[in-house]
N, C-alpha and C. Protein backbone atom coordinates (compact mmCIF):
# COMPACT_ATOMS: atom_id res chain seq x y z
N MET A 1 99.72 75.19 97.91
CA MET A 1 100.90 75.88 98.41
C MET A 1 100.59 77.35 98.64
N LYS A 2 101.06 77.86 99.78
CA LYS A 2 100.95 79.29 100.05
C LYS A 2 102.30 79.94 99.78
N LEU A 3 102.30 81.01 99.00
CA LEU A 3 103.54 81.74 98.69
C LEU A 3 103.48 83.09 99.38
N ILE A 4 104.40 83.28 100.33
CA ILE A 4 104.45 84.50 101.13
C ILE A 4 105.76 85.22 100.84
N ALA A 5 105.70 86.51 100.55
CA ALA A 5 106.92 87.29 100.35
C ALA A 5 107.37 87.85 101.69
N LEU A 6 108.67 87.78 101.93
CA LEU A 6 109.26 88.39 103.12
C LEU A 6 110.34 89.35 102.65
N THR A 7 110.20 90.61 103.03
CA THR A 7 111.19 91.60 102.60
C THR A 7 111.46 92.59 103.73
N GLY A 8 112.48 93.39 103.52
CA GLY A 8 112.86 94.40 104.51
C GLY A 8 114.19 94.98 104.09
N GLY A 9 114.46 96.19 104.52
CA GLY A 9 115.72 96.82 104.18
C GLY A 9 116.90 96.11 104.82
N ILE A 10 118.09 96.40 104.32
CA ILE A 10 119.31 95.80 104.87
C ILE A 10 119.40 96.11 106.37
N ALA A 11 119.72 95.07 107.15
CA ALA A 11 119.88 95.16 108.61
C ALA A 11 118.57 95.46 109.34
N SER A 12 117.44 95.08 108.72
CA SER A 12 116.14 95.29 109.37
C SER A 12 115.78 94.16 110.33
N GLY A 13 116.44 93.01 110.18
CA GLY A 13 116.12 91.86 111.01
C GLY A 13 115.40 90.76 110.25
N LYS A 14 115.39 90.86 108.94
CA LYS A 14 114.68 89.90 108.09
C LYS A 14 115.21 88.48 108.26
N SER A 15 116.53 88.34 108.43
CA SER A 15 117.12 86.99 108.58
C SER A 15 116.61 86.31 109.85
N THR A 16 116.42 87.08 110.91
CA THR A 16 115.88 86.54 112.16
C THR A 16 114.47 86.02 111.94
N VAL A 17 113.67 86.79 111.21
CA VAL A 17 112.29 86.39 110.90
C VAL A 17 112.29 85.12 110.05
N SER A 18 113.12 85.09 109.03
CA SER A 18 113.20 83.94 108.13
C SER A 18 113.58 82.67 108.90
N ALA A 19 114.59 82.80 109.78
CA ALA A 19 115.04 81.63 110.55
C ALA A 19 113.93 81.11 111.46
N ARG A 20 113.17 82.02 112.07
CA ARG A 20 112.08 81.60 112.96
C ARG A 20 110.98 80.90 112.18
N LEU A 21 110.65 81.42 110.99
CA LEU A 21 109.64 80.77 110.16
C LEU A 21 110.09 79.38 109.72
N ALA A 22 111.39 79.23 109.44
CA ALA A 22 111.93 77.91 109.09
C ALA A 22 111.78 76.94 110.26
N GLU A 23 112.01 77.43 111.48
CA GLU A 23 111.83 76.59 112.67
C GLU A 23 110.39 76.09 112.76
N HIS A 24 109.45 76.91 112.35
CA HIS A 24 108.04 76.52 112.39
C HIS A 24 107.67 75.53 111.28
N GLY A 25 108.54 75.39 110.29
CA GLY A 25 108.27 74.43 109.22
C GLY A 25 108.07 75.03 107.85
N ALA A 26 108.26 76.33 107.71
CA ALA A 26 108.13 76.96 106.39
C ALA A 26 109.27 76.52 105.48
N VAL A 27 108.99 76.47 104.19
CA VAL A 27 110.03 76.26 103.19
C VAL A 27 110.56 77.64 102.82
N ILE A 28 111.87 77.84 103.01
CA ILE A 28 112.46 79.15 102.76
C ILE A 28 113.15 79.15 101.40
N LEU A 29 112.76 80.09 100.58
CA LEU A 29 113.42 80.30 99.29
C LEU A 29 114.13 81.65 99.40
N ASP A 30 115.46 81.62 99.48
CA ASP A 30 116.26 82.81 99.78
C ASP A 30 116.79 83.43 98.49
N ALA A 31 116.29 84.62 98.16
CA ALA A 31 116.69 85.28 96.91
C ALA A 31 118.18 85.59 96.89
N ASP A 32 118.78 85.89 98.06
CA ASP A 32 120.22 86.16 98.11
C ASP A 32 121.01 84.92 97.70
N LYS A 33 120.55 83.74 98.16
CA LYS A 33 121.24 82.50 97.77
C LYS A 33 121.06 82.24 96.28
N LEU A 34 119.86 82.51 95.77
CA LEU A 34 119.64 82.35 94.33
C LEU A 34 120.56 83.29 93.56
N ALA A 35 120.70 84.53 94.09
CA ALA A 35 121.55 85.52 93.41
C ALA A 35 123.01 85.06 93.38
N ARG A 36 123.44 84.35 94.42
CA ARG A 36 124.81 83.81 94.41
C ARG A 36 124.94 82.67 93.40
N GLU A 37 123.89 81.84 93.32
CA GLU A 37 123.93 80.72 92.38
C GLU A 37 124.04 81.19 90.93
N VAL A 38 123.31 82.25 90.58
CA VAL A 38 123.26 82.66 89.18
C VAL A 38 124.55 83.34 88.72
N VAL A 39 125.45 83.70 89.67
CA VAL A 39 126.71 84.32 89.27
C VAL A 39 127.91 83.41 89.56
N GLU A 40 127.66 82.13 89.72
CA GLU A 40 128.76 81.18 89.88
C GLU A 40 129.51 81.04 88.56
N PRO A 41 130.80 80.65 88.62
CA PRO A 41 131.56 80.46 87.38
C PRO A 41 130.83 79.53 86.41
N GLY A 42 130.81 79.93 85.16
CA GLY A 42 130.14 79.16 84.13
C GLY A 42 128.70 79.59 83.87
N GLN A 43 128.14 80.41 84.75
CA GLN A 43 126.76 80.86 84.56
C GLN A 43 126.72 82.06 83.62
N PRO A 44 125.68 82.14 82.76
CA PRO A 44 125.60 83.25 81.80
C PRO A 44 125.62 84.63 82.47
N ALA A 45 124.99 84.76 83.65
CA ALA A 45 124.93 86.07 84.30
C ALA A 45 126.33 86.56 84.68
N LEU A 46 127.21 85.65 85.09
CA LEU A 46 128.57 86.09 85.45
C LEU A 46 129.29 86.61 84.21
N ALA A 47 129.13 85.92 83.09
CA ALA A 47 129.76 86.38 81.85
C ALA A 47 129.24 87.77 81.46
N GLN A 48 127.95 88.00 81.66
CA GLN A 48 127.37 89.32 81.34
C GLN A 48 127.93 90.40 82.27
N ILE A 49 128.10 90.06 83.56
CA ILE A 49 128.64 91.02 84.52
C ILE A 49 130.07 91.41 84.13
N VAL A 50 130.88 90.42 83.75
CA VAL A 50 132.27 90.69 83.35
C VAL A 50 132.29 91.55 82.08
N ALA A 51 131.38 91.24 81.15
CA ALA A 51 131.32 92.02 79.92
C ALA A 51 130.95 93.48 80.20
N GLU A 52 130.11 93.68 81.21
CA GLU A 52 129.65 95.04 81.54
C GLU A 52 130.63 95.80 82.42
N PHE A 53 131.24 95.11 83.41
CA PHE A 53 132.04 95.80 84.42
C PHE A 53 133.54 95.52 84.35
N GLY A 54 133.94 94.57 83.50
CA GLY A 54 135.36 94.31 83.33
C GLY A 54 135.90 93.15 84.17
N GLU A 55 137.10 92.71 83.82
CA GLU A 55 137.74 91.56 84.48
C GLU A 55 138.08 91.85 85.94
N GLY A 56 138.08 93.14 86.32
CA GLY A 56 138.41 93.51 87.69
C GLY A 56 137.41 93.03 88.72
N VAL A 57 136.25 92.54 88.28
CA VAL A 57 135.26 92.04 89.24
C VAL A 57 135.41 90.53 89.47
N LEU A 58 136.50 89.95 88.93
CA LEU A 58 136.75 88.52 89.13
C LEU A 58 137.92 88.29 90.07
N LEU A 59 137.82 87.25 90.87
CA LEU A 59 138.93 86.78 91.69
C LEU A 59 139.83 85.90 90.83
N PRO A 60 141.06 85.62 91.29
CA PRO A 60 141.97 84.79 90.48
C PRO A 60 141.39 83.44 90.08
N ASP A 61 140.49 82.88 90.91
CA ASP A 61 139.92 81.56 90.57
C ASP A 61 138.73 81.65 89.60
N GLY A 62 138.43 82.88 89.14
CA GLY A 62 137.35 83.04 88.17
C GLY A 62 135.99 83.28 88.78
N SER A 63 135.91 83.31 90.12
CA SER A 63 134.64 83.59 90.77
C SER A 63 134.46 85.09 90.95
N LEU A 64 133.24 85.50 91.28
CA LEU A 64 132.92 86.91 91.39
C LEU A 64 133.55 87.51 92.65
N ASP A 65 134.21 88.65 92.47
CA ASP A 65 134.75 89.41 93.60
C ASP A 65 133.65 90.38 94.05
N ARG A 66 132.84 89.95 95.01
CA ARG A 66 131.67 90.73 95.42
C ARG A 66 132.03 92.11 95.97
N PRO A 67 133.06 92.20 96.83
CA PRO A 67 133.41 93.54 97.33
C PRO A 67 133.83 94.49 96.20
N ALA A 68 134.58 93.97 95.22
CA ALA A 68 135.00 94.82 94.09
C ALA A 68 133.79 95.30 93.29
N LEU A 69 132.85 94.37 93.05
CA LEU A 69 131.64 94.75 92.31
C LEU A 69 130.81 95.75 93.13
N GLY A 70 130.72 95.50 94.44
CA GLY A 70 129.98 96.40 95.31
C GLY A 70 130.50 97.83 95.27
N ARG A 71 131.84 97.95 95.23
CA ARG A 71 132.44 99.29 95.19
C ARG A 71 132.07 100.02 93.89
N LEU A 72 131.83 99.26 92.83
CA LEU A 72 131.48 99.87 91.54
C LEU A 72 130.01 100.31 91.48
N VAL A 73 129.13 99.56 92.16
CA VAL A 73 127.70 99.81 91.96
C VAL A 73 127.00 100.56 93.08
N PHE A 74 127.46 100.38 94.33
CA PHE A 74 126.77 101.06 95.43
C PHE A 74 127.17 102.53 95.41
N GLY A 75 126.16 103.38 95.37
CA GLY A 75 126.40 104.81 95.24
C GLY A 75 126.38 105.30 93.80
N ASP A 76 126.24 104.36 92.84
CA ASP A 76 126.14 104.72 91.42
C ASP A 76 124.85 104.10 90.87
N PRO A 77 123.74 104.83 90.90
CA PRO A 77 122.44 104.26 90.50
C PRO A 77 122.43 103.65 89.11
N ALA A 78 123.14 104.28 88.16
CA ALA A 78 123.14 103.74 86.79
C ALA A 78 123.84 102.39 86.73
N ALA A 79 124.98 102.29 87.42
CA ALA A 79 125.72 101.02 87.44
C ALA A 79 124.92 99.94 88.16
N LEU A 80 124.26 100.33 89.27
CA LEU A 80 123.44 99.36 90.01
C LEU A 80 122.29 98.86 89.15
N GLN A 81 121.69 99.75 88.37
CA GLN A 81 120.60 99.35 87.49
C GLN A 81 121.09 98.36 86.43
N LYS A 82 122.29 98.60 85.89
CA LYS A 82 122.85 97.66 84.91
C LYS A 82 123.04 96.28 85.53
N LEU A 83 123.55 96.26 86.78
CA LEU A 83 123.74 94.98 87.46
C LEU A 83 122.39 94.29 87.70
N ASN A 84 121.41 95.06 88.17
CA ASN A 84 120.08 94.49 88.42
C ASN A 84 119.44 93.96 87.14
N ASP A 85 119.67 94.65 86.02
CA ASP A 85 119.12 94.19 84.75
C ASP A 85 119.70 92.85 84.32
N ILE A 86 120.89 92.54 84.80
CA ILE A 86 121.51 91.24 84.51
C ILE A 86 121.02 90.18 85.50
N THR A 87 121.06 90.53 86.79
CA THR A 87 120.83 89.49 87.81
C THR A 87 119.36 89.21 88.09
N HIS A 88 118.51 90.25 88.09
CA HIS A 88 117.11 90.03 88.48
C HIS A 88 116.40 89.00 87.59
N PRO A 89 116.51 89.08 86.25
CA PRO A 89 115.83 88.07 85.43
C PRO A 89 116.37 86.65 85.68
N ALA A 90 117.68 86.54 85.92
CA ALA A 90 118.27 85.22 86.17
C ALA A 90 117.77 84.65 87.50
N VAL A 91 117.72 85.50 88.52
CA VAL A 91 117.20 85.06 89.82
C VAL A 91 115.73 84.69 89.70
N TRP A 92 115.01 85.47 88.95
CA TRP A 92 113.57 85.21 88.73
C TRP A 92 113.36 83.82 88.14
N ARG A 93 114.11 83.50 87.08
CA ARG A 93 113.93 82.19 86.42
C ARG A 93 114.28 81.05 87.36
N LEU A 94 115.38 81.18 88.10
CA LEU A 94 115.79 80.13 89.03
C LEU A 94 114.76 80.00 90.16
N GLY A 95 114.26 81.13 90.65
CA GLY A 95 113.26 81.10 91.71
C GLY A 95 111.99 80.41 91.27
N GLN A 96 111.55 80.68 90.05
CA GLN A 96 110.34 80.03 89.53
C GLN A 96 110.52 78.51 89.46
N ALA A 97 111.71 78.08 89.04
CA ALA A 97 111.98 76.64 88.96
C ALA A 97 111.96 76.00 90.35
N LYS A 98 112.53 76.69 91.33
CA LYS A 98 112.57 76.14 92.69
C LYS A 98 111.18 76.15 93.34
N LEU A 99 110.38 77.16 93.03
CA LEU A 99 109.00 77.18 93.53
C LEU A 99 108.21 75.99 92.99
N ALA A 100 108.38 75.72 91.71
CA ALA A 100 107.68 74.59 91.09
C ALA A 100 108.10 73.28 91.74
N ALA A 101 109.40 73.16 92.04
CA ALA A 101 109.91 71.94 92.69
C ALA A 101 109.34 71.80 94.10
N ALA A 102 109.27 72.93 94.84
CA ALA A 102 108.73 72.89 96.20
C ALA A 102 107.27 72.47 96.20
N GLU A 103 106.51 73.00 95.24
CA GLU A 103 105.09 72.67 95.17
C GLU A 103 104.88 71.22 94.78
N ALA A 104 105.73 70.70 93.89
CA ALA A 104 105.62 69.30 93.48
C ALA A 104 105.91 68.38 94.67
N GLU A 105 106.85 68.78 95.51
CA GLU A 105 107.24 67.96 96.66
C GLU A 105 106.18 67.99 97.75
N ASN A 106 105.59 69.18 97.98
CA ASN A 106 104.58 69.33 99.03
C ASN A 106 103.57 70.39 98.63
N PRO A 107 102.45 69.96 98.04
CA PRO A 107 101.45 70.92 97.56
C PRO A 107 100.85 71.79 98.67
N GLU A 108 101.00 71.36 99.95
CA GLU A 108 100.45 72.11 101.08
C GLU A 108 101.48 73.03 101.74
N ALA A 109 102.67 73.10 101.17
CA ALA A 109 103.75 73.85 101.81
C ALA A 109 103.43 75.34 101.94
N ILE A 110 103.97 75.94 103.00
CA ILE A 110 103.99 77.40 103.12
C ILE A 110 105.40 77.82 102.75
N VAL A 111 105.51 78.48 101.60
CA VAL A 111 106.82 78.88 101.06
C VAL A 111 107.03 80.35 101.34
N ILE A 112 108.14 80.65 102.01
CA ILE A 112 108.51 82.03 102.29
C ILE A 112 109.58 82.44 101.28
N TYR A 113 109.24 83.37 100.42
CA TYR A 113 110.21 83.88 99.44
C TYR A 113 110.89 85.08 100.08
N ASP A 114 112.09 84.84 100.59
CA ASP A 114 112.88 85.85 101.32
C ASP A 114 113.61 86.68 100.28
N VAL A 115 113.09 87.88 100.02
CA VAL A 115 113.60 88.68 98.90
C VAL A 115 113.82 90.13 99.33
N PRO A 116 115.08 90.50 99.64
CA PRO A 116 115.36 91.86 100.10
C PRO A 116 114.90 92.94 99.12
N LEU A 117 115.07 92.68 97.83
CA LEU A 117 114.77 93.70 96.82
C LEU A 117 113.42 93.46 96.16
N LEU A 118 112.44 93.07 96.94
CA LEU A 118 111.11 92.77 96.39
C LEU A 118 110.55 93.96 95.61
N VAL A 119 110.58 95.13 96.22
CA VAL A 119 110.00 96.32 95.57
C VAL A 119 110.77 96.64 94.29
N GLU A 120 112.10 96.61 94.39
CA GLU A 120 112.94 96.95 93.24
C GLU A 120 112.78 95.92 92.11
N ALA A 121 112.76 94.64 92.46
CA ALA A 121 112.75 93.58 91.45
C ALA A 121 111.37 93.37 90.84
N SER A 122 110.31 93.73 91.57
CA SER A 122 108.96 93.42 91.08
C SER A 122 108.30 94.58 90.36
N ARG A 123 109.04 95.68 90.21
CA ARG A 123 108.43 96.81 89.51
C ARG A 123 108.00 96.43 88.09
N ASP A 124 108.81 95.55 87.47
CA ASP A 124 108.47 95.14 86.10
C ASP A 124 108.11 93.66 86.02
N ARG A 125 108.04 92.97 87.18
CA ARG A 125 107.81 91.53 87.14
C ARG A 125 107.07 91.10 88.41
N PRO A 126 105.83 91.53 88.57
CA PRO A 126 105.13 91.27 89.84
C PRO A 126 104.84 89.79 90.05
N LEU A 127 105.12 89.31 91.24
CA LEU A 127 104.78 87.94 91.61
C LEU A 127 103.40 87.93 92.28
N ARG A 128 102.78 86.78 92.30
CA ARG A 128 101.48 86.63 92.94
C ARG A 128 101.67 86.04 94.33
N PHE A 129 101.74 86.89 95.33
CA PHE A 129 101.92 86.44 96.70
C PHE A 129 100.59 86.47 97.44
N GLU A 130 100.43 85.49 98.32
CA GLU A 130 99.23 85.51 99.17
C GLU A 130 99.32 86.66 100.17
N LYS A 131 100.52 86.88 100.69
CA LYS A 131 100.77 88.00 101.59
C LYS A 131 102.18 88.52 101.36
N VAL A 132 102.38 89.81 101.61
CA VAL A 132 103.70 90.42 101.61
C VAL A 132 103.98 90.87 103.04
N VAL A 133 105.05 90.31 103.62
CA VAL A 133 105.44 90.63 104.99
C VAL A 133 106.68 91.51 104.94
N VAL A 134 106.63 92.67 105.57
CA VAL A 134 107.75 93.61 105.60
C VAL A 134 108.29 93.71 107.02
N VAL A 135 109.60 93.49 107.17
CA VAL A 135 110.26 93.73 108.45
C VAL A 135 110.80 95.15 108.42
N ASN A 136 110.42 95.94 109.41
CA ASN A 136 110.75 97.35 109.40
C ASN A 136 111.54 97.72 110.65
N ALA A 137 112.57 98.54 110.47
CA ALA A 137 113.33 99.08 111.59
C ALA A 137 113.78 100.49 111.22
N ARG A 138 113.95 101.32 112.23
CA ARG A 138 114.34 102.71 111.98
C ARG A 138 115.67 102.76 111.23
N ARG A 139 115.78 103.74 110.36
CA ARG A 139 117.00 103.91 109.56
C ARG A 139 118.25 104.06 110.43
N ASP A 140 118.15 104.86 111.51
CA ASP A 140 119.33 105.06 112.34
C ASP A 140 119.76 103.77 113.03
N GLU A 141 118.81 102.92 113.38
CA GLU A 141 119.14 101.64 114.00
C GLU A 141 119.78 100.71 112.98
N ARG A 142 119.28 100.72 111.75
CA ARG A 142 119.87 99.88 110.70
C ARG A 142 121.30 100.34 110.40
N LEU A 143 121.52 101.64 110.36
CA LEU A 143 122.88 102.17 110.16
C LEU A 143 123.81 101.68 111.27
N ARG A 144 123.32 101.77 112.52
CA ARG A 144 124.14 101.33 113.65
C ARG A 144 124.52 99.85 113.52
N ARG A 145 123.55 99.01 113.12
CA ARG A 145 123.81 97.58 112.98
C ARG A 145 124.84 97.31 111.87
N LEU A 146 124.72 98.02 110.75
CA LEU A 146 125.65 97.80 109.64
C LEU A 146 127.08 98.15 110.05
N VAL A 147 127.23 99.21 110.82
CA VAL A 147 128.56 99.63 111.25
C VAL A 147 129.08 98.70 112.34
N ALA A 148 128.24 98.44 113.35
CA ALA A 148 128.68 97.65 114.51
C ALA A 148 128.79 96.16 114.20
N ASP A 149 127.82 95.62 113.47
CA ASP A 149 127.76 94.17 113.28
C ASP A 149 128.43 93.69 112.00
N ARG A 150 128.47 94.54 110.97
CA ARG A 150 129.01 94.09 109.68
C ARG A 150 130.30 94.79 109.31
N GLY A 151 130.72 95.73 110.14
CA GLY A 151 132.03 96.36 109.93
C GLY A 151 132.09 97.35 108.79
N LEU A 152 130.94 97.84 108.34
CA LEU A 152 130.95 98.84 107.27
C LEU A 152 131.27 100.21 107.85
N SER A 153 131.85 101.07 107.03
CA SER A 153 132.00 102.47 107.43
C SER A 153 130.61 103.11 107.36
N GLU A 154 130.47 104.28 108.00
CA GLU A 154 129.17 104.95 107.96
C GLU A 154 128.78 105.30 106.53
N ALA A 155 129.77 105.72 105.73
CA ALA A 155 129.50 106.08 104.33
C ALA A 155 129.04 104.86 103.54
N GLU A 156 129.72 103.71 103.76
CA GLU A 156 129.32 102.47 103.07
C GLU A 156 127.91 102.06 103.48
N ALA A 157 127.62 102.17 104.77
CA ALA A 157 126.30 101.80 105.27
C ALA A 157 125.22 102.70 104.66
N GLU A 158 125.51 104.00 104.60
CA GLU A 158 124.56 104.94 103.99
C GLU A 158 124.32 104.60 102.52
N ALA A 159 125.40 104.24 101.81
CA ALA A 159 125.28 103.90 100.39
C ALA A 159 124.42 102.65 100.19
N ARG A 160 124.61 101.64 101.06
CA ARG A 160 123.82 100.41 100.95
C ARG A 160 122.33 100.70 101.17
N ILE A 161 122.05 101.45 102.23
CA ILE A 161 120.65 101.77 102.52
C ILE A 161 120.06 102.65 101.40
N GLY A 162 120.86 103.61 100.92
CA GLY A 162 120.39 104.52 99.89
C GLY A 162 120.13 103.85 98.55
N SER A 163 120.75 102.68 98.32
CA SER A 163 120.59 101.99 97.04
C SER A 163 119.30 101.17 96.99
N GLN A 164 118.64 101.04 98.14
CA GLN A 164 117.43 100.22 98.21
C GLN A 164 116.18 101.10 98.18
N ALA A 165 115.05 100.44 98.04
CA ALA A 165 113.77 101.14 98.12
C ALA A 165 113.65 101.81 99.49
N THR A 166 112.81 102.82 99.58
CA THR A 166 112.61 103.49 100.86
C THR A 166 111.68 102.65 101.75
N ASP A 167 111.71 102.95 103.05
CA ASP A 167 110.81 102.26 103.98
C ASP A 167 109.36 102.46 103.54
N ALA A 168 109.04 103.68 103.11
CA ALA A 168 107.66 103.98 102.69
C ALA A 168 107.25 103.14 101.49
N GLU A 169 108.17 102.94 100.54
CA GLU A 169 107.86 102.12 99.36
C GLU A 169 107.61 100.67 99.75
N ARG A 170 108.39 100.16 100.71
CA ARG A 170 108.18 98.78 101.15
C ARG A 170 106.86 98.64 101.91
N VAL A 171 106.61 99.56 102.84
CA VAL A 171 105.39 99.49 103.64
C VAL A 171 104.15 99.60 102.75
N ALA A 172 104.26 100.34 101.65
CA ALA A 172 103.13 100.52 100.73
C ALA A 172 102.67 99.21 100.11
N VAL A 173 103.57 98.22 99.97
CA VAL A 173 103.18 96.94 99.36
C VAL A 173 102.89 95.87 100.42
N ALA A 174 102.99 96.23 101.71
CA ALA A 174 102.89 95.24 102.79
C ALA A 174 101.46 94.89 103.13
N ASP A 175 101.24 93.59 103.38
CA ASP A 175 100.00 93.14 104.03
C ASP A 175 100.21 93.06 105.54
N VAL A 176 101.46 92.76 105.92
CA VAL A 176 101.83 92.64 107.33
C VAL A 176 103.15 93.38 107.53
N VAL A 177 103.23 94.23 108.55
CA VAL A 177 104.49 94.90 108.90
C VAL A 177 104.93 94.40 110.27
N LEU A 178 106.13 93.82 110.33
CA LEU A 178 106.71 93.39 111.61
C LEU A 178 107.69 94.47 112.05
N ASP A 179 107.39 95.09 113.17
CA ASP A 179 108.23 96.17 113.68
C ASP A 179 109.42 95.59 114.44
N ASN A 180 110.64 96.00 114.07
CA ASN A 180 111.84 95.50 114.76
C ASN A 180 112.64 96.64 115.37
N ASP A 181 111.94 97.56 116.02
CA ASP A 181 112.64 98.60 116.78
C ASP A 181 112.77 98.21 118.25
N GLY A 182 112.13 97.11 118.63
CA GLY A 182 112.19 96.65 120.02
C GLY A 182 113.22 95.54 120.20
N SER A 183 112.91 94.61 121.09
CA SER A 183 113.84 93.52 121.42
C SER A 183 113.68 92.36 120.44
N ARG A 184 114.68 91.49 120.44
CA ARG A 184 114.62 90.27 119.63
C ARG A 184 113.42 89.42 120.04
N GLU A 185 113.16 89.36 121.35
CA GLU A 185 112.05 88.54 121.85
C GLU A 185 110.72 89.06 121.34
N GLU A 186 110.58 90.39 121.29
CA GLU A 186 109.34 90.98 120.76
C GLU A 186 109.16 90.64 119.29
N LEU A 187 110.26 90.67 118.53
CA LEU A 187 110.18 90.33 117.10
C LEU A 187 109.78 88.87 116.92
N LEU A 188 110.41 87.97 117.69
CA LEU A 188 110.10 86.55 117.57
C LEU A 188 108.64 86.27 117.95
N ALA A 189 108.13 86.96 118.95
CA ALA A 189 106.73 86.79 119.34
C ALA A 189 105.80 87.22 118.20
N ALA A 190 106.16 88.30 117.51
CA ALA A 190 105.36 88.76 116.37
C ALA A 190 105.40 87.74 115.23
N VAL A 191 106.56 87.11 115.03
CA VAL A 191 106.68 86.08 113.99
C VAL A 191 105.81 84.87 114.34
N ASP A 192 105.81 84.49 115.62
CA ASP A 192 104.98 83.36 116.05
C ASP A 192 103.50 83.65 115.80
N GLU A 193 103.08 84.88 116.05
CA GLU A 193 101.69 85.27 115.77
C GLU A 193 101.39 85.19 114.28
N LEU A 194 102.36 85.65 113.47
CA LEU A 194 102.19 85.59 112.02
C LEU A 194 102.02 84.14 111.56
N TRP A 195 102.86 83.25 112.08
CA TRP A 195 102.78 81.84 111.69
C TRP A 195 101.40 81.26 112.04
N ALA A 196 100.88 81.64 113.19
CA ALA A 196 99.57 81.14 113.61
C ALA A 196 98.50 81.56 112.60
N THR A 197 98.59 82.79 112.09
CA THR A 197 97.60 83.24 111.10
C THR A 197 97.80 82.53 109.76
N LEU A 198 99.06 82.25 109.40
CA LEU A 198 99.31 81.59 108.12
C LEU A 198 98.81 80.14 108.12
N THR A 199 98.83 79.51 109.28
CA THR A 199 98.45 78.09 109.36
C THR A 199 97.01 77.90 109.83
N ALA A 200 96.33 79.00 110.13
CA ALA A 200 94.94 78.88 110.63
C ALA A 200 94.03 78.31 109.56
């Protein structure tokens, strides 16, 4: 099994890259989906989040109110660190279990671990990746996408970008950088080239 990390800042185009790799036959392990699983009702991480941030982060049905939690942590580095200290280990454990299952099912699989916070999460828990692929786009373009495509205010978009690792920190760990300042077609062509090298 080949384990490839895929990361990039918010609104960099990472989802487009992930979807294209899936079309080629890669097994996608999405850290965001894992992060949602570990905070479902009844999970220990959700109980820890409520203990740390209060009942106000819950919806009436007992599930996590993500926007409410986001308002508490984005723009507050200490609060975000507390949240990460709860969720990152839980996501890590679930991810390891899913990787083991993927390898058991297909020992020859190319597994793409789609992890937005690779730099942040691996500072104290480095994974062994064959390659680290970083999707990169200019900060001003990412801001524009967050406002135009996701409906965030400029301040909210700035806070989201500011809460993540810098572009330089991500590029520093990259084996491959996919530039997404051009067209979608150019990005997809770069992904196709990457897949050819992974399967060579």
